[in-house]
Amino acid sequence: MILRLMIIEDGRRVLVIERDLSLQDRIVGELLPPGGYLKLIELDLEDCVNGIDAQRVLGYALFKDGKSTRLSYHLKGLHPDITGRSFHNGHFIQQMREKAATFPKQATVTSLIEKRGTGKGVQYKTASGQEMTTHAPLTIVCDGCFSNLRRSLYKPKVDIPPFFVALILKNCQLPYANHGHVILANPSPILLYPISSTEVRCLVDIPGQKVPSISNGDLASYLRTIVAPQCLNFVIMALGLLHMMIILFEDQLLLIPLQPVASTINTLAGALYKVFSASPDRARIELCQTCFEYPSLGGIFSNGPISLLSCLNPRPMSLELHFFAVAIYGVCSMLLPFPSPNRAWLGGRLISDASSIIFPIIKAEGVRQMFFPVTVPAYYRAPPTN
């Protein structure tokens, strides 16, 4: 919908085909950082978070082993309205739909029309079952993670290491108002943030290739026995009830070069997930503890990471410098005041572990795309050789 608005402003005719216009119930895209809100303002879409009981988000609070630290967004010099926002994803999407179009076409795209490797349009089926065809000089596919069209363009190898189980906690008071809460639990983190004035979203990361069964009570048992004991008291009480997006906006700014903004966010998310996921490796445990302690140093050691989390500083070099600063701080903490061969060996493993986390992610994102984006030509799908 955002893309449609941008193209319409360019004086072009746009046809949007939506499979389902009903209110969506999804957990993705509910926590918008300040950088994302700034992009909404640039796109003249900031009113899409009005009237949906969206909550202001001022930063994060981290909890580990009974200790906590608060990281507030560094918003000095910005308008008081510039903060993060959290909300029901479906309500936000409905607001954008109303903003983007009055009568979008509701139908299901069945296939892409291609000619020599170039998209020329789509075939779709209306709600009444009628098969239709439409042609256009530009076809954009945005059908989400359950796409039935992706395999016609690309066949990636998909790895699903964890699953997120989402709960809604009713009338739950968080310790730090207007903050996201991250509990560094075992075996993986737990994230909580408000999505309305009376509801808190709880995201529980469950490692493995299969989610515990809901029907036979395995999931409820996992939440009670594994998750609840590691949570704060307010979450434990709520669990007894068992009530079971910046990159997007960057893309829509006339499809300006996605790198390095998106790559910085992707790399940060991937690195933090690997660091905070439970591991029996001593070096990884030390790295996790160091990441928790590093922001408490204050100054640039606090403002730097939070500016990355808020998407106000999307520079990949800043991410890499802070990531290795965390590792070096961890090594120094181990070696001082009395270094020993064993501690030196562990420090070396910590640096090696940090490198093994971030470098593969950077490689997957593309070193050239992240650090030298102006040297990368515009991407296009080459026509087949035959």
Protein backbone atom coordinates (compact mmCIF):
# COMPACT_ATOMS: atom_id res chain seq x y z
CA MET A 1 0.00 0.00 0.00
CA ILE A 2 2.84 2.38 0.80
CA LEU A 3 4.44 1.64 -2.55
CA ARG A 4 1.16 2.35 -4.32
CA LEU A 5 0.98 5.79 -2.74
CA MET A 6 4.50 6.61 -3.87
CA ILE A 7 3.87 5.50 -7.46
CA ILE A 8 0.54 7.35 -7.63
CA GLU A 9 2.28 10.54 -6.55
CA ASP A 10 4.58 10.00 -9.52
CA GLY A 11 1.55 10.30 -11.80
CA ARG A 12 1.17 6.62 -12.72
CA ARG A 13 -1.85 4.33 -12.74
CA VAL A 14 -1.64 1.49 -10.24
CA LEU A 15 -3.69 -1.69 -9.80
CA VAL A 16 -3.46 -3.33 -6.36
CA ILE A 17 -4.74 -6.90 -6.05
CA GLU A 18 -5.38 -7.94 -2.44
CA ARG A 19 -6.12 -11.57 -1.55
CA ASP A 20 -7.91 -10.67 1.69
CA LEU A 21 -9.05 -7.25 2.90
CA SER A 22 -10.22 -8.42 6.32
CA LEU A 23 -8.43 -7.40 9.52
CA GLN A 24 -5.18 -9.36 9.81
CA ASP A 25 -4.12 -11.08 13.02
CA ARG A 26 -0.33 -11.20 12.78
CA ILE A 27 2.59 -10.63 15.09
CA VAL A 28 5.06 -9.18 12.57
CA GLY A 29 5.63 -5.45 12.24
CA GLU A 30 4.22 -4.42 15.63
CA LEU A 31 7.23 -2.62 17.10
CA LEU A 32 8.24 0.46 15.09
CA PRO A 33 11.52 2.18 16.12
CA PRO A 34 11.94 5.98 15.94
CA GLY A 35 13.76 5.66 12.63
CA GLY A 36 10.73 3.88 11.20
CA TYR A 37 8.40 6.60 12.47
CA LEU A 38 10.58 9.20 10.76
CA LYS A 39 10.14 7.28 7.50
CA LEU A 40 6.37 7.37 8.01
CA ILE A 41 6.61 11.15 8.30
CA GLU A 42 8.69 11.34 5.11
CA LEU A 43 5.99 9.32 3.35
CA ASP A 44 3.21 11.46 4.88
CA LEU A 45 1.81 8.35 6.58
CA GLU A 46 2.31 9.21 10.24
CA ASP A 47 -1.46 9.46 10.72
CA CYS A 48 -1.66 5.68 10.12
CA VAL A 49 -0.64 5.13 13.75
CA ASN A 50 -3.40 7.44 14.99
CA GLY A 51 -6.72 6.07 16.18
CA ILE A 52 -5.44 2.51 16.74
CA ASP A 53 -4.40 2.89 20.40
CA ALA A 54 -0.72 2.80 19.40
CA GLN A 55 1.71 3.11 22.32
CA ARG A 56 4.79 5.31 22.48
CA VAL A 57 8.03 3.32 22.89
CA LEU A 58 11.03 5.10 24.40
CA GLY A 59 13.57 2.28 24.48
CA TYR A 60 14.27 -1.20 25.83
CA ALA A 61 14.82 -2.83 29.20
CA LEU A 62 17.05 -5.91 29.43
CA PHE A 63 16.68 -8.52 32.18
CA LYS A 64 19.19 -11.25 32.99
CA ASP A 65 19.76 -13.32 36.13
CA GLY A 66 17.67 -11.00 38.29
CA LYS A 67 19.43 -7.85 37.06
CA SER A 68 18.08 -5.23 34.68
CA THR A 69 19.35 -2.35 32.59
CA ARG A 70 17.36 0.24 30.69
CA LEU A 71 18.34 1.56 27.26
CA SER A 72 16.37 4.65 26.29
CA TYR A 73 16.37 5.94 22.73
CA HIS A 74 18.71 8.90 22.23
CA LEU A 75 16.14 11.41 20.90
CA LYS A 76 17.79 14.69 21.89
CA GLY A 77 17.26 17.37 19.27
CA LEU A 78 14.24 15.63 17.74
CA HIS A 79 10.61 16.71 17.94
CA PRO A 80 8.91 15.35 21.10
CA ASP A 81 6.55 13.33 18.93
CA ILE A 82 9.46 11.38 17.41
CA THR A 83 9.53 8.14 19.38
CA GLY A 84 8.96 4.50 18.63
CA ARG A 85 5.44 3.12 18.30
CA SER A 86 3.91 -0.28 19.04
CA PHE A 87 0.49 -1.47 17.94
CA HIS A 88 -1.65 -4.28 16.56
CA ASN A 89 -0.21 -5.00 13.12
CA GLY A 90 -3.65 -5.60 11.61
CA HIS A 91 -5.00 -2.22 12.74
CA PHE A 92 -1.96 -0.48 11.27
CA ILE A 93 -2.39 -2.30 7.95
CA GLN A 94 -6.07 -1.31 7.81
CA GLN A 95 -5.10 2.33 8.30
CA MET A 96 -2.64 2.13 5.42
CA ARG A 97 -5.25 0.47 3.20
CA GLU A 98 -7.67 3.31 3.83
CA LYS A 99 -4.92 5.80 3.09
CA ALA A 100 -3.77 4.08 -0.08
CA ALA A 101 -6.99 3.31 -1.87
CA THR A 102 -10.73 3.46 -1.72
CA PHE A 103 -11.53 0.37 -3.75
CA PRO A 104 -8.59 -2.01 -4.12
CA LYS A 105 -9.38 -5.16 -6.06
CA GLN A 106 -9.84 -8.24 -3.87
CA ALA A 107 -8.59 -11.32 -5.70
CA THR A 108 -5.93 -14.03 -5.59
CA VAL A 109 -2.98 -13.90 -7.98
CA THR A 110 -2.43 -17.38 -9.44
CA SER A 111 0.61 -16.82 -11.66
CA LEU A 112 2.96 -14.26 -13.14
CA ILE A 113 3.02 -13.40 -16.83
CA GLU A 114 6.61 -13.39 -18.07
CA LYS A 115 8.28 -12.72 -21.37
CA ARG A 116 12.00 -13.46 -21.74
CA GLY A 117 12.52 -13.31 -17.99
CA THR A 118 10.70 -10.00 -17.52
CA GLY A 119 7.43 -9.63 -15.61
CA LYS A 120 4.63 -8.38 -17.85
CA GLY A 121 1.60 -8.80 -15.58
CA VAL A 122 -0.39 -11.33 -13.58
CA GLN A 123 -3.21 -13.82 -13.85
CA TYR A 124 -5.65 -13.72 -10.94
CA LYS A 125 -8.95 -15.15 -9.75
CA THR A 126 -11.66 -12.89 -8.38
CA ALA A 127 -13.76 -13.66 -5.30
CA SER A 128 -16.49 -14.95 -7.62
CA GLY A 129 -14.05 -17.40 -9.24
CA GLN A 130 -13.59 -15.51 -12.51
CA GLU A 131 -10.13 -15.85 -14.11
CA MET A 132 -8.67 -12.48 -15.13
CA THR A 133 -5.46 -11.21 -16.72
CA THR A 134 -3.85 -7.80 -16.42
CA HIS A 135 -0.67 -6.44 -18.03
CA ALA A 136 1.68 -3.73 -16.84
CA PRO A 137 5.21 -2.47 -17.58
CA LEU A 138 6.12 -3.09 -13.92
CA THR A 139 4.87 -5.96 -11.74
CA ILE A 140 5.69 -5.94 -8.02
CA VAL A 141 5.05 -9.05 -5.93
CA CYS A 142 4.47 -8.43 -2.20
CA ASP A 143 2.59 -11.51 -1.05
CA GLY A 144 4.43 -12.20 2.17
CA CYS A 145 6.17 -15.15 3.74
CA PHE A 146 3.58 -17.67 2.52
CA SER A 147 4.04 -16.69 -1.11
CA ASN A 148 2.86 -19.07 -3.81
CA LEU A 149 4.73 -17.03 -6.44
CA ARG A 150 8.23 -16.92 -5.00
CA ARG A 151 9.31 -20.27 -6.40
CA SER A 152 8.68 -19.04 -9.93
CA LEU A 153 11.32 -16.37 -9.34
CA TYR A 154 13.69 -17.88 -6.81
CA LYS A 155 14.17 -21.18 -4.99
CA PRO A 156 16.01 -20.41 -1.77
CA LYS A 157 17.14 -22.94 0.78
CA VAL A 158 15.02 -22.12 3.81
CA ASP A 159 16.30 -22.76 7.32
CA ILE A 160 13.88 -22.36 10.24
CA PRO A 161 15.92 -22.64 13.47
CA PRO A 162 13.29 -21.19 15.86
CA PHE A 163 9.58 -20.48 16.11
CA PHE A 164 7.91 -17.56 17.85
CA VAL A 165 4.85 -18.24 19.98
CA ALA A 166 2.83 -15.10 20.62
CA LEU A 167 0.62 -14.41 23.61
CA ILE A 168 -1.45 -11.39 24.60
CA LEU A 169 -1.25 -10.47 28.28
CA LYS A 170 -4.33 -8.55 29.43
CA ASN A 171 -4.06 -5.60 31.84
CA CYS A 172 -0.40 -6.34 32.49
CA GLN A 173 1.75 -3.55 33.93
CA LEU A 174 5.33 -3.62 32.64
CA PRO A 175 8.13 -2.54 35.03
CA TYR A 176 9.31 0.19 32.64
CA ALA A 177 6.45 2.09 31.05
CA ASN A 178 6.70 2.72 27.29
CA HIS A 179 9.63 0.35 26.86
CA GLY A 180 10.14 -2.96 25.16
CA HIS A 181 11.28 -5.66 27.62
CA VAL A 182 13.79 -8.35 26.68
CA ILE A 183 14.30 -11.24 29.10
CA LEU A 184 17.52 -13.10 28.33
CA ALA A 185 16.14 -16.48 29.30
CA ASN A 186 17.29 -20.05 28.71
CA PRO A 187 17.13 -21.44 26.04
CA SER A 188 16.20 -18.25 24.16
CA PRO A 189 15.01 -14.67 24.69
CA ILE A 190 11.50 -13.51 25.57
CA LEU A 191 10.24 -10.18 24.24
CA LEU A 192 7.40 -8.10 25.69
CA TYR A 193 6.01 -4.79 24.48
CA PRO A 194 2.65 -2.96 24.70
CA ILE A 195 0.37 -3.12 21.66
CA SER A 196 -2.52 -1.16 23.20
CA SER A 197 -3.36 0.60 26.44
CA THR A 198 -4.59 -2.70 27.94
CA GLU A 199 -2.57 -5.39 26.12
CA VAL A 200 1.04 -6.53 26.11
CA ARG A 201 2.47 -8.76 23.42
CA CYS A 202 4.67 -11.59 24.70
CA LEU A 203 6.86 -13.30 22.11
CA VAL A 204 8.45 -16.56 23.25
CA ASP A 205 11.21 -17.90 21.04
CA ILE A 206 11.09 -21.70 20.87
CA PRO A 207 14.18 -23.32 19.29
CA GLY A 208 13.87 -26.40 17.14
CA GLN A 209 12.17 -27.53 13.97
CA LYS A 210 8.77 -28.17 15.55
CA VAL A 211 6.47 -26.24 17.86
CA PRO A 212 5.18 -28.14 20.91
CA SER A 213 1.64 -29.38 20.30
CA ILE A 214 -1.24 -27.18 21.42
CA SER A 215 -3.86 -29.92 21.28
CA ASN A 216 -2.21 -32.28 23.77
CA GLY A 217 -1.05 -29.53 26.13
CA ASP A 218 2.69 -29.68 25.33
CA LEU A 219 2.86 -25.96 24.51
CA ALA A 220 1.03 -24.93 27.68
CA SER A 221 3.35 -27.19 29.68
CA TYR A 222 6.42 -25.65 28.01
CA LEU A 223 5.25 -22.14 28.84
CA ARG A 224 4.51 -23.04 32.47
CA THR A 225 7.60 -25.14 33.22
CA ILE A 226 10.32 -23.60 31.01
CA VAL A 227 9.26 -20.02 30.32
CA ALA A 228 7.29 -18.86 33.37
CA PRO A 229 9.97 -19.64 36.03
CA GLN A 230 12.43 -17.38 34.20
CA CYS A 231 10.00 -14.49 33.79
CA LEU A 232 9.28 -11.56 36.01
CA ASN A 233 6.42 -11.91 38.48
CA PHE A 234 4.03 -9.88 36.34
CA VAL A 235 4.55 -12.26 33.40
CA ILE A 236 4.20 -15.39 35.55
CA MET A 237 0.79 -14.22 36.74
CA ALA A 238 -0.34 -13.36 33.21
CA LEU A 239 0.92 -16.66 31.79
CA GLY A 240 -1.50 -18.43 34.06
CA LEU A 241 -4.28 -17.13 31.80
CA LEU A 242 -2.54 -18.40 28.65
CA HIS A 243 -4.11 -15.84 26.28
CA MET A 244 -2.66 -17.23 23.46
CA MET A 245 9.06 -3.01 10.13
CA ILE A 246 11.66 -0.02 9.22
CA ILE A 247 13.00 -1.87 6.22
CA LEU A 248 9.59 -1.78 4.57
CA PHE A 249 9.44 2.00 4.79
CA GLU A 250 13.00 2.39 3.57
CA ASP A 251 12.10 0.30 0.53
CA GLN A 252 9.18 2.54 -0.38
CA LEU A 253 11.11 5.79 -0.58
CA LEU A 254 10.99 5.47 -4.35
CA LEU A 255 12.94 2.23 -3.96
CA ILE A 256 16.08 4.08 -2.99
CA PRO A 257 19.11 1.79 -2.58
CA LEU A 258 18.17 -0.63 0.17
CA GLN A 259 21.74 -1.04 1.35
CA PRO A 260 23.19 -0.25 3.79
CA VAL A 261 20.11 0.54 5.92
CA ALA A 262 18.33 -2.80 5.63
CA SER A 263 21.56 -4.77 5.85
CA THR A 264 22.51 -3.02 9.08
CA ILE A 265 19.16 -3.91 10.62
CA ASN A 266 19.28 -7.48 9.34
CA THR A 267 22.84 -7.96 10.60
CA LEU A 268 22.02 -6.46 14.00
CA ALA A 269 18.95 -8.67 14.42
CA GLY A 270 20.76 -11.83 13.34
CA ALA A 271 23.79 -11.14 15.54
CA LEU A 272 21.75 -10.34 18.65
CA TYR A 273 19.64 -13.45 18.23
CA LYS A 274 22.71 -15.69 18.06
CA VAL A 275 24.40 -13.95 20.98
CA PHE A 276 21.37 -14.11 23.27
CA SER A 277 20.31 -17.66 22.41
CA ALA A 278 21.39 -20.14 25.06
CA SER A 279 24.58 -22.08 24.35
CA PRO A 280 26.72 -24.49 26.40
CA ASP A 281 29.85 -22.85 24.97
CA ARG A 282 31.69 -20.86 27.65
CA ALA A 283 32.84 -18.20 25.18
CA ARG A 284 29.26 -17.62 23.97
CA ILE A 285 28.05 -17.35 27.57
CA GLU A 286 30.71 -14.72 28.28
CA LEU A 287 29.80 -12.83 25.08
CA CYS A 288 26.13 -12.77 26.10
CA GLN A 289 27.00 -11.46 29.56
CA THR A 290 29.26 -8.81 28.04
CA CYS A 291 26.50 -7.63 25.69
CA PHE A 292 24.28 -7.20 28.74
CA GLU A 293 26.93 -5.21 30.68
CA TYR A 294 28.38 -3.10 27.83
CA PRO A 295 25.59 -0.45 27.66
CA SER A 296 25.87 0.17 31.41
CA LEU A 297 29.24 1.84 30.74
CA GLY A 298 27.25 4.88 29.58
CA GLY A 299 28.20 7.54 27.07
CA ILE A 300 29.02 6.30 23.59
CA PHE A 301 28.89 2.70 24.85
CA SER A 302 25.19 3.19 25.58
CA ASN A 303 24.21 5.76 22.93
CA GLY A 304 25.91 3.83 20.12
CA PRO A 305 23.99 0.55 20.50
CA ILE A 306 20.67 2.27 21.20
CA SER A 307 21.05 4.46 18.10
CA LEU A 308 21.42 1.26 16.08
CA LEU A 309 18.38 -0.32 17.76
CA SER A 310 16.33 2.83 17.13
CA CYS A 311 17.32 2.78 13.42
CA LEU A 312 18.51 6.38 13.72
CA ASN A 313 22.07 5.32 12.90
CA PRO A 314 21.98 2.73 10.11
CA ARG A 315 25.70 2.86 9.31
CA PRO A 316 27.08 -0.69 9.04
CA MET A 317 30.56 0.39 10.13
CA SER A 318 29.14 1.66 13.42
CA LEU A 319 27.49 -1.72 13.98
CA GLU A 320 30.70 -3.61 13.32
CA LEU A 321 32.77 -1.32 15.56
CA HIS A 322 30.38 -1.64 18.50
CA PHE A 323 30.03 -5.40 18.05
CA PHE A 324 33.77 -5.92 18.33
CA ALA A 325 34.04 -3.28 21.06
CA VAL A 326 31.71 -5.51 23.07
CA ALA A 327 33.98 -8.50 22.42
CA ILE A 328 37.13 -6.56 23.35
CA TYR A 329 35.45 -5.28 26.52
CA GLY A 330 34.63 -8.87 27.41
CA VAL A 331 38.24 -9.93 26.89
CA CYS A 332 39.53 -7.06 29.04
CA SER A 333 37.05 -7.91 31.79
CA MET A 334 38.34 -11.48 31.85
CA LEU A 335 42.04 -10.59 31.80
CA LEU A 336 41.92 -7.87 34.44
CA PRO A 337 43.19 -7.56 37.07
CA PHE A 338 45.13 -10.85 36.95
CA PRO A 339 45.49 -12.43 33.49
CA SER A 340 46.15 -16.13 33.19
CA PRO A 341 46.75 -18.52 30.27
CA ASN A 342 43.29 -19.99 30.73
CA ARG A 343 41.64 -16.56 30.65
CA ALA A 344 43.72 -15.53 27.64
CA TRP A 345 42.62 -18.69 25.81
CA LEU A 346 38.98 -17.98 26.67
CA GLY A 347 39.40 -14.38 25.50
CA GLY A 348 40.74 -15.57 22.17
CA ARG A 349 37.78 -17.91 21.80
CA LEU A 350 35.42 -15.04 22.60
CA ILE A 351 36.87 -12.94 19.75
CA SER A 352 36.70 -15.96 17.46
CA ASP A 353 33.09 -16.63 18.45
CA ALA A 354 32.12 -13.00 17.80
CA SER A 355 33.75 -13.19 14.37
CA SER A 356 31.97 -16.44 13.55
CA ILE A 357 28.65 -14.77 14.36
CA ILE A 358 28.87 -11.49 12.49
CA PHE A 359 31.03 -12.23 9.44
CA PRO A 360 28.74 -14.92 7.94
CA ILE A 361 25.77 -12.56 8.33
CA ILE A 362 27.66 -9.74 6.62
CA LYS A 363 28.71 -12.11 3.86
CA ALA A 364 25.10 -13.17 3.32
CA GLU A 365 23.97 -9.55 3.16
CA GLY A 366 26.82 -8.70 0.79
CA VAL A 367 30.03 -6.92 1.80
CA ARG A 368 29.95 -4.72 -1.27
CA GLN A 369 26.27 -3.91 -0.85
CA MET A 370 26.70 -2.98 2.81
CA PHE A 371 29.92 -1.00 2.79
CA PHE A 372 30.21 0.19 -0.83
CA PRO A 373 26.59 0.51 -2.05
CA VAL A 374 27.35 3.16 -4.68
CA THR A 375 29.49 0.63 -6.56
CA VAL A 376 26.61 -1.83 -6.94
CA PRO A 377 24.61 -1.52 -10.18
CA ALA A 378 20.83 -1.63 -10.07
CA TYR A 379 19.59 -5.19 -9.73
CA TYR A 380 17.59 -6.71 -12.52
CA ARG A 381 16.64 -10.22 -13.48
CA ALA A 382 18.60 -11.22 -16.57
CA PRO A 383 16.64 -12.83 -19.40
CA PRO A 384 17.35 -16.50 -20.11
CA THR A 385 20.28 -17.21 -22.39
CA ASN A 386 18.23 -19.40 -24.71
